[in-house]
């Protein structure tokens, strides 16, 4: 099977745009005012909605590099949930294509972190109303593509999803920021001609301690 070629320049432009989106999110994550009625900061749930919207908006662009971020719906109120599927897992679709958990056409990075509750439509009942149910996020890489660059994006999205997970808990805003900044730092290494640490080691091999 021949590999699809990824345009490196397009990949770097994608990383630059994603980095900008994430730094904008970081700027919006502000400590809450301890006096509740005066708090005008974006709530954890509001931050979570922004992150989900960002992930959803990137699906088409991710596909250019052979990457798909899919939700694995573990359960939902529908009586027919998981009928005929593996372990009652129901995967998001890729376009109109139904995906079975473990589909061998893809390299799987299952369960990027622990499950979280999301309000969404489960694919077991297309056209149904949204329900709140547990989901996991899986990263799939199309085997027709060289996996090297998509694997780097999996690392980025692992940090983004951990930030999303923190928004579903009563987590301090700093925990959300740290994970988003970790994603930004990894993108920095993908955008620059070499990783920042490699540059430092090459150009400043014996750095004197500064006081």
N, C-alpha and C. Protein backbone atom coordinates (compact mmCIF):
# COMPACT_ATOMS: atom_id res chain seq x y z
N UNK A 1 0.86 -1.19 0.00
CA UNK A 1 0.00 0.00 0.00
C UNK A 1 0.89 1.24 0.00
N UNK A 2 0.71 2.12 -0.97
CA UNK A 2 1.55 3.31 -1.04
C UNK A 2 1.11 4.34 -0.01
N UNK A 3 2.07 5.12 0.48
CA UNK A 3 1.76 6.12 1.48
C UNK A 3 1.39 7.44 0.82
N UNK A 4 0.37 8.10 1.39
CA UNK A 4 0.02 9.43 0.95
C UNK A 4 1.12 10.39 1.43
N UNK A 5 1.48 11.35 0.60
CA UNK A 5 2.52 12.31 0.95
C UNK A 5 1.90 13.52 1.65
N UNK A 6 2.48 13.88 2.79
CA UNK A 6 2.03 15.05 3.52
C UNK A 6 2.90 16.23 3.13
N UNK A 7 2.27 17.33 2.75
CA UNK A 7 2.99 18.55 2.39
C UNK A 7 3.51 19.17 3.69
N UNK A 8 4.83 19.19 3.87
CA UNK A 8 5.43 19.67 5.12
C UNK A 8 5.09 21.13 5.36
N UNK A 9 5.07 21.94 4.31
CA UNK A 9 4.77 23.35 4.48
C UNK A 9 3.33 23.54 4.96
N UNK A 10 2.40 22.77 4.38
CA UNK A 10 1.00 22.85 4.83
C UNK A 10 0.88 22.40 6.28
N UNK A 11 1.65 21.40 6.64
CA UNK A 11 1.64 20.91 8.02
C UNK A 11 2.10 22.00 8.98
N UNK A 12 3.18 22.70 8.61
CA UNK A 12 3.70 23.75 9.49
C UNK A 12 2.72 24.92 9.59
N UNK A 13 2.07 25.27 8.48
CA UNK A 13 1.06 26.33 8.53
C UNK A 13 -0.09 25.92 9.44
N UNK A 14 -0.51 24.66 9.33
CA UNK A 14 -1.55 24.13 10.22
C UNK A 14 -1.12 24.28 11.68
N UNK A 15 0.13 23.92 11.99
CA UNK A 15 0.64 24.01 13.37
C UNK A 15 0.67 25.46 13.85
N UNK A 16 1.05 26.38 12.97
CA UNK A 16 1.07 27.80 13.34
C UNK A 16 -0.35 28.27 13.68
N UNK A 17 -1.32 27.89 12.86
CA UNK A 17 -2.71 28.31 13.11
C UNK A 17 -3.26 27.68 14.38
N UNK A 18 -2.96 26.40 14.60
CA UNK A 18 -3.41 25.73 15.81
C UNK A 18 -2.78 26.37 17.04
N UNK A 19 -1.50 26.69 16.93
CA UNK A 19 -0.81 27.36 18.05
C UNK A 19 -1.49 28.68 18.40
N UNK A 20 -1.85 29.46 17.38
CA UNK A 20 -2.52 30.74 17.63
C UNK A 20 -3.86 30.53 18.33
N UNK A 21 -4.61 29.52 17.88
CA UNK A 21 -5.90 29.23 18.52
C UNK A 21 -5.72 28.85 19.98
N UNK A 22 -4.69 28.06 20.27
CA UNK A 22 -4.46 27.62 21.64
C UNK A 22 -3.96 28.77 22.52
N UNK A 23 -3.09 29.62 21.99
CA UNK A 23 -2.63 30.75 22.80
C UNK A 23 -3.78 31.72 23.08
N UNK A 24 -4.70 31.86 22.12
CA UNK A 24 -5.89 32.68 22.38
C UNK A 24 -6.70 32.09 23.52
N UNK A 25 -6.82 30.75 23.53
CA UNK A 25 -7.54 30.08 24.62
C UNK A 25 -6.84 30.29 25.95
N UNK A 26 -5.52 30.18 25.95
CA UNK A 26 -4.76 30.38 27.19
C UNK A 26 -5.04 31.78 27.75
N UNK A 27 -5.08 32.77 26.88
CA UNK A 27 -5.34 34.14 27.32
C UNK A 27 -6.72 34.29 27.94
N UNK A 28 -7.67 33.46 27.50
CA UNK A 28 -9.04 33.55 28.01
C UNK A 28 -9.21 32.85 29.35
N UNK A 29 -8.25 32.00 29.70
CA UNK A 29 -8.35 31.26 30.96
C UNK A 29 -7.77 32.13 32.07
N UNK A 30 -8.64 32.76 32.83
CA UNK A 30 -8.24 33.66 33.90
C UNK A 30 -8.72 33.15 35.25
N UNK A 31 -7.96 33.42 36.32
CA UNK A 31 -8.40 32.99 37.65
C UNK A 31 -9.78 33.57 37.99
N UNK A 32 -10.61 32.75 38.60
CA UNK A 32 -11.95 33.21 38.97
C UNK A 32 -11.87 34.19 40.14
N UNK A 33 -12.77 35.16 40.12
CA UNK A 33 -12.87 36.10 41.24
C UNK A 33 -13.43 35.33 42.43
N UNK A 34 -12.76 35.40 43.60
CA UNK A 34 -13.27 34.66 44.76
C UNK A 34 -14.66 35.09 45.20
N UNK A 35 -15.04 36.32 44.86
CA UNK A 35 -16.40 36.77 45.17
C UNK A 35 -17.28 36.43 43.98
N UNK A 36 -18.09 35.40 44.14
CA UNK A 36 -18.79 34.77 43.03
C UNK A 36 -19.57 35.76 42.17
N UNK A 37 -20.34 36.65 42.79
CA UNK A 37 -21.22 37.49 42.00
C UNK A 37 -20.46 38.55 41.20
N UNK A 38 -19.17 38.73 41.53
CA UNK A 38 -18.36 39.69 40.76
C UNK A 38 -17.54 39.01 39.66
N UNK A 39 -17.61 37.69 39.62
CA UNK A 39 -16.76 36.94 38.69
C UNK A 39 -17.29 37.07 37.26
N UNK A 40 -16.50 37.70 36.40
CA UNK A 40 -16.87 37.85 34.99
C UNK A 40 -15.96 37.03 34.07
N UNK A 41 -15.14 36.16 34.67
CA UNK A 41 -14.23 35.35 33.85
C UNK A 41 -15.00 34.23 33.16
N UNK A 42 -14.38 33.67 32.11
CA UNK A 42 -14.98 32.54 31.40
C UNK A 42 -14.96 31.32 32.30
N UNK A 43 -16.12 30.70 32.50
CA UNK A 43 -16.23 29.56 33.41
C UNK A 43 -15.53 28.33 32.85
N UNK A 44 -15.30 27.34 33.72
CA UNK A 44 -14.71 26.08 33.26
C UNK A 44 -15.54 25.45 32.15
N UNK A 45 -16.85 25.47 32.31
CA UNK A 45 -17.71 24.87 31.28
C UNK A 45 -17.63 25.68 29.98
N UNK A 46 -17.50 27.00 30.09
CA UNK A 46 -17.35 27.82 28.89
C UNK A 46 -16.04 27.54 28.19
N UNK A 47 -14.97 27.36 28.96
CA UNK A 47 -13.67 27.00 28.38
C UNK A 47 -13.77 25.65 27.68
N UNK A 48 -14.46 24.71 28.34
CA UNK A 48 -14.64 23.38 27.77
C UNK A 48 -15.35 23.44 26.43
N UNK A 49 -16.38 24.28 26.33
CA UNK A 49 -17.10 24.41 25.06
C UNK A 49 -16.19 24.96 23.97
N UNK A 50 -15.33 25.90 24.34
CA UNK A 50 -14.39 26.47 23.35
C UNK A 50 -13.43 25.38 22.86
N UNK A 51 -12.95 24.55 23.78
CA UNK A 51 -12.00 23.50 23.38
C UNK A 51 -12.68 22.48 22.48
N UNK A 52 -13.91 22.08 22.83
CA UNK A 52 -14.63 21.11 21.99
C UNK A 52 -14.89 21.69 20.60
N UNK A 53 -15.27 22.95 20.55
CA UNK A 53 -15.52 23.59 19.26
C UNK A 53 -14.25 23.60 18.42
N UNK A 54 -13.11 23.87 19.07
CA UNK A 54 -11.84 23.88 18.35
C UNK A 54 -11.53 22.49 17.80
N UNK A 55 -11.68 21.45 18.63
CA UNK A 55 -11.39 20.09 18.18
C UNK A 55 -12.28 19.72 17.00
N UNK A 56 -13.57 20.04 17.10
CA UNK A 56 -14.50 19.71 16.01
C UNK A 56 -14.15 20.47 14.73
N UNK A 57 -13.75 21.73 14.88
CA UNK A 57 -13.47 22.55 13.70
C UNK A 57 -12.22 22.09 12.97
N UNK A 58 -11.36 21.31 13.64
CA UNK A 58 -10.10 20.88 13.04
C UNK A 58 -10.19 19.54 12.34
N UNK A 59 -11.34 18.88 12.44
CA UNK A 59 -11.45 17.52 11.90
C UNK A 59 -11.09 17.46 10.41
N UNK A 60 -11.61 18.39 9.64
CA UNK A 60 -11.35 18.37 8.19
C UNK A 60 -9.87 18.59 7.90
N UNK A 61 -9.24 19.50 8.65
CA UNK A 61 -7.82 19.78 8.43
C UNK A 61 -6.96 18.60 8.88
N UNK A 62 -7.34 17.97 10.00
CA UNK A 62 -6.59 16.80 10.47
C UNK A 62 -6.58 15.70 9.42
N UNK A 63 -7.71 15.56 8.73
CA UNK A 63 -7.84 14.48 7.73
C UNK A 63 -6.82 14.63 6.61
N UNK A 64 -6.36 15.86 6.35
CA UNK A 64 -5.34 16.06 5.31
C UNK A 64 -4.05 15.34 5.66
N UNK A 65 -3.84 15.10 6.95
CA UNK A 65 -2.61 14.45 7.41
C UNK A 65 -2.88 13.00 7.86
N UNK A 66 -4.11 12.53 7.57
CA UNK A 66 -4.45 11.15 7.91
C UNK A 66 -4.83 10.94 9.36
N UNK A 67 -5.15 12.03 10.08
CA UNK A 67 -5.48 11.93 11.50
C UNK A 67 -6.96 12.17 11.72
N UNK A 68 -7.56 11.35 12.59
CA UNK A 68 -8.96 11.52 12.95
C UNK A 68 -9.09 11.41 14.47
N UNK A 69 -9.70 12.43 15.07
CA UNK A 69 -9.97 12.42 16.50
C UNK A 69 -11.43 12.05 16.68
N UNK A 70 -11.67 10.84 17.17
CA UNK A 70 -13.04 10.33 17.28
C UNK A 70 -13.41 10.09 18.73
N UNK A 71 -14.68 10.31 19.02
CA UNK A 71 -15.20 9.94 20.34
C UNK A 71 -15.68 8.50 20.31
N UNK A 72 -15.36 7.80 21.38
CA UNK A 72 -15.89 6.46 21.57
C UNK A 72 -16.96 6.57 22.65
N UNK A 73 -18.21 6.36 22.25
CA UNK A 73 -19.34 6.54 23.16
C UNK A 73 -19.52 5.25 23.95
N UNK A 74 -19.32 5.34 25.26
CA UNK A 74 -19.33 4.14 26.10
C UNK A 74 -20.74 3.71 26.47
N UNK A 75 -21.63 4.65 26.54
CA UNK A 75 -22.99 4.32 26.94
C UNK A 75 -23.85 5.54 26.66
N UNK A 76 -25.13 5.33 26.45
CA UNK A 76 -26.08 6.43 26.31
C UNK A 76 -27.45 5.86 26.64
N UNK A 77 -28.44 6.70 26.82
CA UNK A 77 -29.76 6.19 27.24
C UNK A 77 -30.48 5.33 26.21
N UNK A 78 -30.05 5.31 24.96
CA UNK A 78 -30.78 4.57 23.92
C UNK A 78 -30.74 3.07 24.20
N UNK A 79 -31.88 2.41 24.02
CA UNK A 79 -31.98 0.97 24.29
C UNK A 79 -31.10 0.15 23.35
N UNK A 80 -30.90 0.66 22.13
CA UNK A 80 -30.13 -0.10 21.14
C UNK A 80 -28.65 0.27 21.12
N UNK A 81 -28.19 0.98 22.16
CA UNK A 81 -26.79 1.43 22.16
C UNK A 81 -25.84 0.24 22.05
N UNK A 82 -24.98 0.31 21.06
CA UNK A 82 -23.94 -0.71 20.91
C UNK A 82 -24.42 -2.02 20.33
N UNK A 83 -25.66 -2.11 19.89
CA UNK A 83 -26.15 -3.38 19.34
C UNK A 83 -25.30 -3.79 18.15
N UNK A 84 -24.70 -4.97 18.24
CA UNK A 84 -23.90 -5.51 17.14
C UNK A 84 -22.50 -4.94 17.04
N UNK A 85 -22.07 -4.16 18.04
CA UNK A 85 -20.73 -3.58 18.00
C UNK A 85 -19.87 -4.19 19.10
N UNK A 86 -18.59 -3.86 19.06
CA UNK A 86 -17.60 -4.45 19.97
C UNK A 86 -17.74 -3.85 21.37
N UNK A 87 -18.08 -4.70 22.34
CA UNK A 87 -18.13 -4.28 23.75
C UNK A 87 -18.99 -3.05 23.99
N UNK A 88 -20.03 -2.91 23.18
CA UNK A 88 -20.96 -1.78 23.31
C UNK A 88 -20.28 -0.43 23.13
N UNK A 89 -19.15 -0.39 22.44
CA UNK A 89 -18.55 0.87 22.04
C UNK A 89 -19.19 1.33 20.74
N UNK A 90 -19.54 2.59 20.64
CA UNK A 90 -20.05 3.16 19.40
C UNK A 90 -19.14 4.32 19.04
N UNK A 91 -18.51 4.23 17.87
CA UNK A 91 -17.55 5.24 17.44
C UNK A 91 -18.22 6.34 16.62
N UNK A 92 -17.67 7.55 16.73
CA UNK A 92 -18.04 8.60 15.78
C UNK A 92 -17.75 8.10 14.36
N UNK A 93 -18.43 8.66 13.40
CA UNK A 93 -18.19 8.28 12.01
C UNK A 93 -17.11 9.16 11.39
N UNK A 94 -16.49 8.66 10.34
CA UNK A 94 -15.60 9.46 9.51
C UNK A 94 -16.37 9.74 8.23
N UNK A 95 -16.89 10.96 8.12
CA UNK A 95 -17.82 11.27 7.04
C UNK A 95 -19.07 10.44 7.23
N UNK A 96 -19.42 9.64 6.23
CA UNK A 96 -20.56 8.74 6.35
C UNK A 96 -20.14 7.31 6.68
N UNK A 97 -18.83 7.12 6.89
CA UNK A 97 -18.31 5.78 7.13
C UNK A 97 -18.44 5.39 8.60
N UNK A 98 -19.08 4.26 8.84
CA UNK A 98 -19.16 3.73 10.20
C UNK A 98 -17.82 3.09 10.55
N UNK A 99 -17.35 3.35 11.75
CA UNK A 99 -16.06 2.84 12.21
C UNK A 99 -16.29 1.85 13.34
N UNK A 100 -15.77 0.65 13.16
CA UNK A 100 -15.79 -0.34 14.24
C UNK A 100 -14.56 -0.13 15.11
N UNK A 101 -14.73 -0.27 16.39
CA UNK A 101 -13.58 -0.13 17.29
C UNK A 101 -12.51 -1.16 16.91
N UNK A 102 -11.27 -0.67 16.70
CA UNK A 102 -10.18 -1.55 16.32
C UNK A 102 -10.03 -1.75 14.82
N UNK A 103 -10.76 -0.99 14.00
CA UNK A 103 -10.68 -1.09 12.53
C UNK A 103 -9.21 -1.13 12.09
N UNK A 104 -8.83 -2.18 11.36
CA UNK A 104 -7.43 -2.39 11.02
C UNK A 104 -6.92 -1.49 9.90
N UNK A 105 -7.78 -0.63 9.36
CA UNK A 105 -7.31 0.33 8.35
C UNK A 105 -6.59 1.51 9.01
N UNK A 106 -6.60 1.54 10.35
CA UNK A 106 -6.03 2.67 11.07
C UNK A 106 -5.06 2.21 12.15
N UNK A 107 -4.10 3.09 12.45
CA UNK A 107 -3.27 2.94 13.64
C UNK A 107 -4.04 3.60 14.77
N UNK A 108 -4.27 2.85 15.83
CA UNK A 108 -5.10 3.35 16.92
C UNK A 108 -4.26 3.85 18.09
N UNK A 109 -4.63 5.02 18.58
CA UNK A 109 -4.13 5.53 19.87
C UNK A 109 -5.37 5.65 20.75
N UNK A 110 -5.73 4.54 21.39
CA UNK A 110 -7.01 4.55 22.11
C UNK A 110 -6.92 5.27 23.45
N UNK A 111 -8.05 5.81 23.84
CA UNK A 111 -8.23 6.37 25.18
C UNK A 111 -7.13 7.35 25.54
N UNK A 112 -7.17 8.53 24.88
CA UNK A 112 -6.22 9.59 25.24
C UNK A 112 -6.68 10.20 26.56
N UNK A 113 -6.33 9.52 27.64
CA UNK A 113 -6.77 9.94 28.97
C UNK A 113 -8.01 9.17 29.38
N UNK A 114 -8.54 9.52 30.54
CA UNK A 114 -9.71 8.83 31.07
C UNK A 114 -10.99 9.39 30.44
N UNK A 115 -12.10 8.69 30.68
CA UNK A 115 -13.35 9.11 30.06
C UNK A 115 -13.87 10.38 30.73
N UNK A 116 -14.77 11.06 30.03
CA UNK A 116 -15.43 12.24 30.58
C UNK A 116 -16.86 12.27 30.06
N UNK A 117 -17.72 12.93 30.77
CA UNK A 117 -19.11 13.07 30.33
C UNK A 117 -19.22 14.24 29.36
N UNK A 118 -19.91 13.99 28.24
CA UNK A 118 -20.16 15.05 27.26
C UNK A 118 -21.62 15.01 26.86
N UNK A 119 -22.13 16.19 26.55
CA UNK A 119 -23.49 16.28 26.02
C UNK A 119 -23.40 16.31 24.51
N UNK A 120 -23.82 15.24 23.86
CA UNK A 120 -23.69 15.13 22.41
C UNK A 120 -24.66 14.06 21.92
N UNK A 121 -24.76 13.95 20.60
CA UNK A 121 -25.60 12.92 19.99
C UNK A 121 -24.77 11.66 19.81
N UNK A 122 -25.25 10.54 20.30
CA UNK A 122 -24.54 9.28 20.13
C UNK A 122 -24.84 8.73 18.73
N UNK A 123 -23.81 8.27 18.01
CA UNK A 123 -24.03 7.75 16.64
C UNK A 123 -24.94 6.53 16.57
N UNK A 124 -25.24 5.91 17.72
CA UNK A 124 -26.13 4.75 17.68
C UNK A 124 -27.55 5.16 17.30
N UNK A 125 -27.85 6.47 17.46
CA UNK A 125 -29.19 6.97 17.14
C UNK A 125 -29.07 8.28 16.38
N UNK A 126 -28.62 8.22 15.11
CA UNK A 126 -28.47 9.45 14.33
C UNK A 126 -29.77 10.25 14.29
N UNK A 127 -29.66 11.55 14.49
CA UNK A 127 -30.84 12.40 14.46
C UNK A 127 -31.52 12.52 15.81
N UNK A 128 -31.02 11.77 16.80
CA UNK A 128 -31.61 11.83 18.14
C UNK A 128 -31.18 13.13 18.82
N UNK A 129 -31.80 13.42 19.93
CA UNK A 129 -31.41 14.61 20.69
C UNK A 129 -30.13 14.33 21.46
N UNK A 130 -29.47 15.39 21.86
CA UNK A 130 -28.24 15.25 22.64
C UNK A 130 -28.55 14.69 24.02
N UNK A 131 -27.64 13.86 24.49
CA UNK A 131 -27.73 13.35 25.86
C UNK A 131 -26.35 13.46 26.50
N UNK A 132 -26.32 13.48 27.81
CA UNK A 132 -25.05 13.50 28.52
C UNK A 132 -24.65 12.06 28.82
N UNK A 133 -23.50 11.64 28.31
CA UNK A 133 -23.05 10.26 28.52
C UNK A 133 -21.53 10.22 28.44
N UNK A 134 -20.90 9.17 28.97
CA UNK A 134 -19.44 9.10 28.99
C UNK A 134 -18.85 8.81 27.61
N UNK A 135 -17.75 9.49 27.30
CA UNK A 135 -17.03 9.26 26.06
C UNK A 135 -15.54 9.19 26.34
N UNK A 136 -14.84 8.50 25.46
CA UNK A 136 -13.39 8.54 25.41
C UNK A 136 -12.99 9.10 24.06
N UNK A 137 -11.84 9.73 23.99
CA UNK A 137 -11.32 10.21 22.71
C UNK A 137 -10.22 9.28 22.23
N UNK A 138 -10.37 8.79 21.01
CA UNK A 138 -9.35 7.95 20.37
C UNK A 138 -8.78 8.71 19.18
N UNK A 139 -7.48 8.54 18.95
CA UNK A 139 -6.84 9.10 17.76
C UNK A 139 -6.60 7.96 16.79
N UNK A 140 -7.02 8.15 15.55
CA UNK A 140 -6.83 7.15 14.50
C UNK A 140 -5.97 7.76 13.39
N UNK A 141 -4.97 7.01 12.93
CA UNK A 141 -4.14 7.45 11.83
C UNK A 141 -4.34 6.49 10.67
N UNK A 142 -4.75 7.05 9.55
CA UNK A 142 -4.97 6.26 8.34
C UNK A 142 -3.64 5.62 7.91
N UNK A 143 -3.63 4.30 7.75
CA UNK A 143 -2.39 3.60 7.43
C UNK A 143 -1.85 3.93 6.05
N UNK A 144 -2.62 4.62 5.23
CA UNK A 144 -2.11 5.03 3.92
C UNK A 144 -1.14 6.20 4.05
N UNK A 145 -1.08 6.83 5.22
CA UNK A 145 -0.23 7.99 5.44
C UNK A 145 1.01 7.60 6.26
N UNK A 146 2.11 8.30 5.99
CA UNK A 146 3.28 8.19 6.85
C UNK A 146 2.85 8.67 8.24
N UNK A 147 3.01 7.86 9.27
CA UNK A 147 2.47 8.23 10.58
C UNK A 147 3.31 9.25 11.35
N UNK A 148 4.49 9.62 10.87
CA UNK A 148 5.41 10.44 11.67
C UNK A 148 4.78 11.76 12.10
N UNK A 149 4.23 12.52 11.16
CA UNK A 149 3.66 13.82 11.50
C UNK A 149 2.34 13.69 12.27
N UNK A 150 1.43 12.81 11.84
CA UNK A 150 0.21 12.64 12.65
C UNK A 150 0.50 12.23 14.09
N UNK A 151 1.55 11.43 14.30
CA UNK A 151 1.90 11.02 15.67
C UNK A 151 2.25 12.25 16.51
N UNK A 152 2.89 13.24 15.91
CA UNK A 152 3.22 14.46 16.65
C UNK A 152 1.94 15.20 17.05
N UNK A 153 0.95 15.20 16.17
CA UNK A 153 -0.31 15.86 16.49
C UNK A 153 -1.07 15.11 17.58
N UNK A 154 -0.91 13.79 17.63
CA UNK A 154 -1.54 13.02 18.70
C UNK A 154 -1.02 13.51 20.05
N UNK A 155 0.28 13.78 20.13
CA UNK A 155 0.85 14.31 21.37
C UNK A 155 0.23 15.65 21.72
N UNK A 156 0.09 16.53 20.71
CA UNK A 156 -0.51 17.84 20.94
C UNK A 156 -1.93 17.68 21.48
N UNK A 157 -2.73 16.83 20.82
CA UNK A 157 -4.12 16.69 21.23
C UNK A 157 -4.27 15.96 22.57
N UNK A 158 -3.27 15.18 22.95
CA UNK A 158 -3.31 14.56 24.28
C UNK A 158 -3.32 15.63 25.35
N UNK A 159 -2.49 16.67 25.16
CA UNK A 159 -2.47 17.79 26.12
C UNK A 159 -3.78 18.58 26.06
N UNK A 160 -4.28 18.82 24.85
CA UNK A 160 -5.53 19.58 24.71
C UNK A 160 -6.69 18.84 25.38
N UNK A 161 -6.73 17.53 25.20
CA UNK A 161 -7.81 16.75 25.80
C UNK A 161 -7.69 16.69 27.31
N UNK A 162 -6.48 16.72 27.82
CA UNK A 162 -6.31 16.76 29.28
C UNK A 162 -6.82 18.10 29.82
N UNK A 163 -6.57 19.18 29.06
CA UNK A 163 -7.12 20.48 29.45
C UNK A 163 -8.65 20.42 29.45
N UNK A 164 -9.22 19.79 28.42
CA UNK A 164 -10.68 19.64 28.35
C UNK A 164 -11.18 18.85 29.55
N UNK A 165 -10.48 17.79 29.89
CA UNK A 165 -10.90 16.96 31.03
C UNK A 165 -10.89 17.78 32.32
N UNK A 166 -9.91 18.66 32.45
CA UNK A 166 -9.84 19.48 33.65
C UNK A 166 -11.03 20.43 33.76
N UNK A 167 -11.60 20.82 32.62
CA UNK A 167 -12.76 21.73 32.66
C UNK A 167 -14.01 21.03 33.17
N UNK A 168 -14.04 19.70 33.12
CA UNK A 168 -15.22 18.97 33.57
C UNK A 168 -15.18 18.71 35.07
N UNK A 169 -14.09 19.09 35.70
CA UNK A 169 -13.94 18.92 37.13
C UNK A 169 -13.84 20.30 37.78
N UNK A 170 -13.87 20.32 39.09
CA UNK A 170 -13.66 21.59 39.79
C UNK A 170 -12.17 21.84 39.91
N UNK A 171 -11.51 21.90 38.77
CA UNK A 171 -10.06 22.05 38.73
C UNK A 171 -9.69 23.53 38.73
N UNK A 172 -8.54 23.87 39.30
CA UNK A 172 -8.09 25.26 39.20
C UNK A 172 -7.80 25.61 37.75
N UNK A 173 -8.02 26.87 37.39
CA UNK A 173 -7.79 27.30 36.02
C UNK A 173 -6.33 27.07 35.61
N UNK A 174 -5.43 27.13 36.58
CA UNK A 174 -4.01 26.94 36.26
C UNK A 174 -3.76 25.56 35.66
N UNK A 175 -4.53 24.54 36.09
CA UNK A 175 -4.36 23.19 35.54
C UNK A 175 -4.75 23.16 34.07
N UNK A 176 -5.78 23.92 33.71
CA UNK A 176 -6.20 24.01 32.31
C UNK A 176 -5.12 24.72 31.51
N UNK A 177 -4.62 25.82 32.05
CA UNK A 177 -3.58 26.59 31.36
C UNK A 177 -2.32 25.77 31.12
N UNK A 178 -1.89 25.03 32.14
CA UNK A 178 -0.65 24.25 32.03
C UNK A 178 -0.74 23.25 30.89
N UNK A 179 -1.87 22.57 30.76
CA UNK A 179 -2.01 21.58 29.70
C UNK A 179 -2.09 22.23 28.32
N UNK A 180 -2.78 23.36 28.22
CA UNK A 180 -2.82 24.07 26.94
C UNK A 180 -1.43 24.56 26.55
N UNK A 181 -0.67 25.07 27.54
CA UNK A 181 0.68 25.55 27.24
C UNK A 181 1.62 24.40 26.88
N UNK A 182 1.40 23.22 27.44
CA UNK A 182 2.21 22.06 27.05
C UNK A 182 1.97 21.72 25.58
N UNK A 183 0.71 21.85 25.14
CA UNK A 183 0.41 21.64 23.71
C UNK A 183 1.09 22.70 22.85
N UNK A 184 1.07 23.95 23.31
CA UNK A 184 1.73 25.04 22.59
C UNK A 184 3.23 24.79 22.49
N UNK A 185 3.84 24.35 23.59
CA UNK A 185 5.29 24.09 23.59
C UNK A 185 5.66 23.00 22.59
N UNK A 186 4.82 21.98 22.48
CA UNK A 186 5.12 20.91 21.52
C UNK A 186 4.97 21.44 20.09
N UNK A 187 3.99 22.30 19.89
CA UNK A 187 3.83 22.91 18.57
C UNK A 187 5.03 23.79 18.22
N UNK A 188 5.58 24.48 19.22
CA UNK A 188 6.77 25.30 18.98
C UNK A 188 7.87 24.44 18.35
N UNK A 189 8.06 23.25 18.91
CA UNK A 189 9.12 22.37 18.40
C UNK A 189 8.82 21.88 16.99
N UNK A 190 7.53 21.75 16.64
CA UNK A 190 7.17 21.30 15.29
C UNK A 190 7.31 22.42 14.27
N UNK A 191 7.14 23.66 14.71
CA UNK A 191 7.17 24.80 13.81
C UNK A 191 8.60 25.26 13.52
N UNK A 192 9.44 25.28 14.55
CA UNK A 192 10.80 25.77 14.41
C UNK A 192 11.67 24.79 13.62
N UNK A 193 12.81 25.25 13.09
CA UNK A 193 13.68 24.36 12.32
C UNK A 193 14.21 23.19 13.14
N UNK A 194 14.29 23.35 14.45
CA UNK A 194 14.69 22.26 15.33
C UNK A 194 14.02 22.48 16.68
N UNK A 195 13.85 21.42 17.48
CA UNK A 195 13.27 21.60 18.81
C UNK A 195 14.07 22.60 19.64
N UNK A 196 13.39 23.36 20.48
CA UNK A 196 14.05 24.39 21.28
C UNK A 196 15.18 23.79 22.12
N UNK A 197 14.94 22.64 22.75
CA UNK A 197 15.98 22.04 23.60
C UNK A 197 17.19 21.63 22.78
N UNK A 198 16.97 21.13 21.57
CA UNK A 198 18.09 20.77 20.69
C UNK A 198 18.92 22.00 20.35
N UNK A 199 18.25 23.13 20.08
CA UNK A 199 18.95 24.38 19.79
C UNK A 199 19.78 24.83 20.98
N UNK A 200 19.19 24.76 22.16
CA UNK A 200 19.91 25.19 23.37
C UNK A 200 21.13 24.31 23.60
N UNK A 201 20.96 23.01 23.46
CA UNK A 201 22.07 22.09 23.69
C UNK A 201 23.20 22.30 22.68
N UNK A 202 22.81 22.67 21.43
CA UNK A 202 23.82 22.85 20.39
C UNK A 202 24.58 24.16 20.54
N UNK A 203 23.86 25.22 20.90
CA UNK A 203 24.46 26.55 20.91
C UNK A 203 24.92 27.00 22.29
N UNK A 204 24.38 26.39 23.33
CA UNK A 204 24.77 26.76 24.69
C UNK A 204 25.08 25.49 25.48
N UNK A 205 26.09 24.71 25.03
CA UNK A 205 26.35 23.41 25.66
C UNK A 205 26.82 23.52 27.11
N UNK A 206 27.47 24.60 27.46
CA UNK A 206 27.95 24.75 28.84
C UNK A 206 27.46 26.09 29.36
N UNK A 207 26.22 26.11 29.76
CA UNK A 207 25.60 27.35 30.22
C UNK A 207 25.98 27.60 31.66
N UNK A 208 26.61 28.76 31.94
CA UNK A 208 26.90 29.06 33.34
C UNK A 208 25.62 29.36 34.10
N UNK A 209 25.57 28.94 35.33
CA UNK A 209 24.39 29.25 36.15
C UNK A 209 24.32 30.74 36.33
N UNK A 210 23.11 31.27 36.23
CA UNK A 210 22.92 32.69 36.42
C UNK A 210 22.25 32.93 37.76
N UNK A 211 22.66 33.98 38.40
CA UNK A 211 22.07 34.31 39.70
C UNK A 211 21.20 35.53 39.54
